Protein backbone atom coordinates (compact mmCIF):
# COMPACT_ATOMS: atom_id res chain seq x y z
CA UNK A 1 3.79 -2.56 5.16
CA UNK A 2 6.84 -0.49 6.22
CA UNK A 3 9.56 -0.41 3.68
CA UNK A 4 11.79 -3.22 5.43
CA UNK A 5 13.17 -6.01 3.84
CA UNK A 6 11.43 -6.10 0.76
CA UNK A 7 10.60 -5.28 -2.84
CA UNK A 8 8.18 -3.79 -4.30
CA UNK A 9 7.75 -3.06 -7.74
CA UNK A 10 4.94 0.22 -8.19
CA UNK A 11 2.53 0.60 -11.22
CA UNK A 12 1.03 3.59 -11.33
CA UNK A 13 -1.14 5.67 -13.84
CA UNK A 14 -2.15 9.30 -12.95
CA UNK A 15 -4.90 11.44 -14.36
CA UNK A 16 -5.36 15.14 -14.26
CA UNK A 17 -9.36 15.27 -14.41
CA UNK A 18 -9.05 19.05 -13.81
CA UNK A 19 -6.61 21.94 -12.06
CA UNK A 20 -7.09 20.82 -8.94
CA UNK A 21 -8.31 17.37 -8.51
CA UNK A 22 -6.46 14.37 -9.37
CA UNK A 23 -7.15 10.28 -9.96
CA UNK A 24 -4.09 7.39 -9.25
CA UNK A 25 -4.20 3.64 -9.68
CA UNK A 26 -1.68 2.34 -8.30
CA UNK A 27 -1.02 -1.40 -8.50
CA UNK A 28 2.16 -2.57 -6.12
CA UNK A 29 3.66 -5.97 -5.74
CA UNK A 30 5.70 -6.64 -2.67
CA UNK A 31 8.39 -9.69 -2.19
CA UNK A 32 10.33 -10.60 1.12
CA UNK A 33 13.71 -9.94 0.49
CA UNK A 34 14.33 -13.40 1.75
CA UNK A 35 12.45 -16.33 3.08
CA UNK A 36 13.69 -15.65 6.12
CA UNK A 37 12.54 -12.00 6.37
CA UNK A 38 9.59 -10.54 8.68
CA UNK A 39 7.09 -8.61 7.42
CA UNK A 40 6.80 -5.76 8.84
CA UNK A 41 3.92 -2.69 9.71
CA UNK A 42 4.80 1.01 10.13
CA UNK A 43 6.80 1.95 12.60
CA UNK A 44 9.08 -1.21 12.36
CA UNK A 45 7.15 -4.03 13.70
CA UNK A 46 7.44 -7.04 12.42
CA UNK A 47 3.42 -8.54 11.89
CA UNK A 48 4.59 -11.95 10.54
CA UNK A 49 7.54 -13.67 11.47
CA UNK A 50 10.10 -14.77 9.20
CA UNK A 51 9.74 -18.56 9.90
CA UNK A 52 5.97 -18.68 9.05
CA UNK A 53 6.40 -19.49 5.07
CA UNK A 54 8.66 -20.35 2.94
CA UNK A 55 7.13 -18.46 0.43
CA UNK A 56 8.49 -14.70 -0.57
CA UNK A 57 5.63 -12.89 -1.74
CA UNK A 58 3.96 -10.90 0.05
CA UNK A 59 0.66 -9.91 -2.20
CA UNK A 60 -0.68 -6.79 -4.13
CA UNK A 61 -2.14 -3.78 -3.20
CA UNK A 62 -4.95 -1.86 -5.75
CA UNK A 63 -5.33 1.43 -4.65
CA UNK A 64 -7.48 4.11 -6.27
CA UNK A 65 -7.29 7.65 -4.75
CA UNK A 66 -8.74 10.98 -5.64
CA UNK A 67 -7.13 14.57 -4.84
CA UNK A 68 -8.61 17.78 -4.88
CA UNK A 69 -7.31 20.86 -4.19
CA UNK A 70 -10.12 23.05 -3.56
CA UNK A 71 -7.52 26.24 -2.65
CA UNK A 72 -3.85 26.61 -2.84
CA UNK A 73 -2.84 25.41 0.59
CA UNK A 74 -5.13 22.22 1.44
CA UNK A 75 -5.19 19.19 -0.31
CA UNK A 76 -8.12 16.22 0.18
CA UNK A 77 -7.19 12.83 -0.33
CA UNK A 78 -10.16 10.01 -0.52
CA UNK A 79 -8.78 6.23 -1.43
CA UNK A 80 -10.11 2.94 -2.04
CA UNK A 81 -7.12 0.21 -1.25
CA UNK A 82 -7.57 -3.19 -1.88
CA UNK A 83 -4.98 -6.20 -0.58
CA UNK A 84 -4.83 -9.87 -2.03
CA UNK A 85 -2.05 -11.75 0.00
CA UNK A 86 0.60 -13.65 -1.52
CA UNK A 87 1.48 -17.39 -0.03
CA UNK A 88 4.24 -15.34 2.36
CA UNK A 89 0.98 -14.04 4.19
CA UNK A 90 -1.65 -16.84 3.39
CA UNK A 91 0.79 -19.47 4.92
CA UNK A 92 0.52 -16.97 8.39
CA UNK A 93 -3.10 -16.98 8.32
CA UNK A 94 -4.03 -13.34 6.89
CA UNK A 95 -6.26 -13.07 4.43
CA UNK A 96 -7.49 -10.37 2.04
CA UNK A 97 -8.21 -6.89 3.23
CA UNK A 98 -10.25 -3.45 1.74
CA UNK A 99 -10.53 0.08 3.79
CA UNK A 100 -10.62 3.14 2.85
CA UNK A 101 -9.29 6.45 3.80
CA UNK A 102 -9.90 10.19 3.91
CA UNK A 103 -7.29 12.76 4.63
CA UNK A 104 -6.48 16.66 4.44
CA UNK A 105 -2.95 18.10 4.10
CA UNK A 106 -2.72 21.93 5.09
CA UNK A 107 0.51 23.47 3.63
CA UNK A 108 1.89 26.40 5.52
């Protein structure tokens, strides 16, 4: 989701497993500002029209990520995310979804 016209309640729990490994558990709840707002995806493109539902609740995501920094200038992240739709998304035909990703960041 793109951070546009929404309320976002984010609960975050982090555990430093070792000096270079960290686990992050994130539970995120999303609501539209108003029932007339669209739901946006990056880079700010409307994904669900504002008139597709009379509900404001978009849904929630539950994420688990592991960050590993094998050397000072490199960080890798692996994560799994589950999205459970609220009525604003379900009314528009949206369903739950799961995805995973892996990326590396080089600091210079």
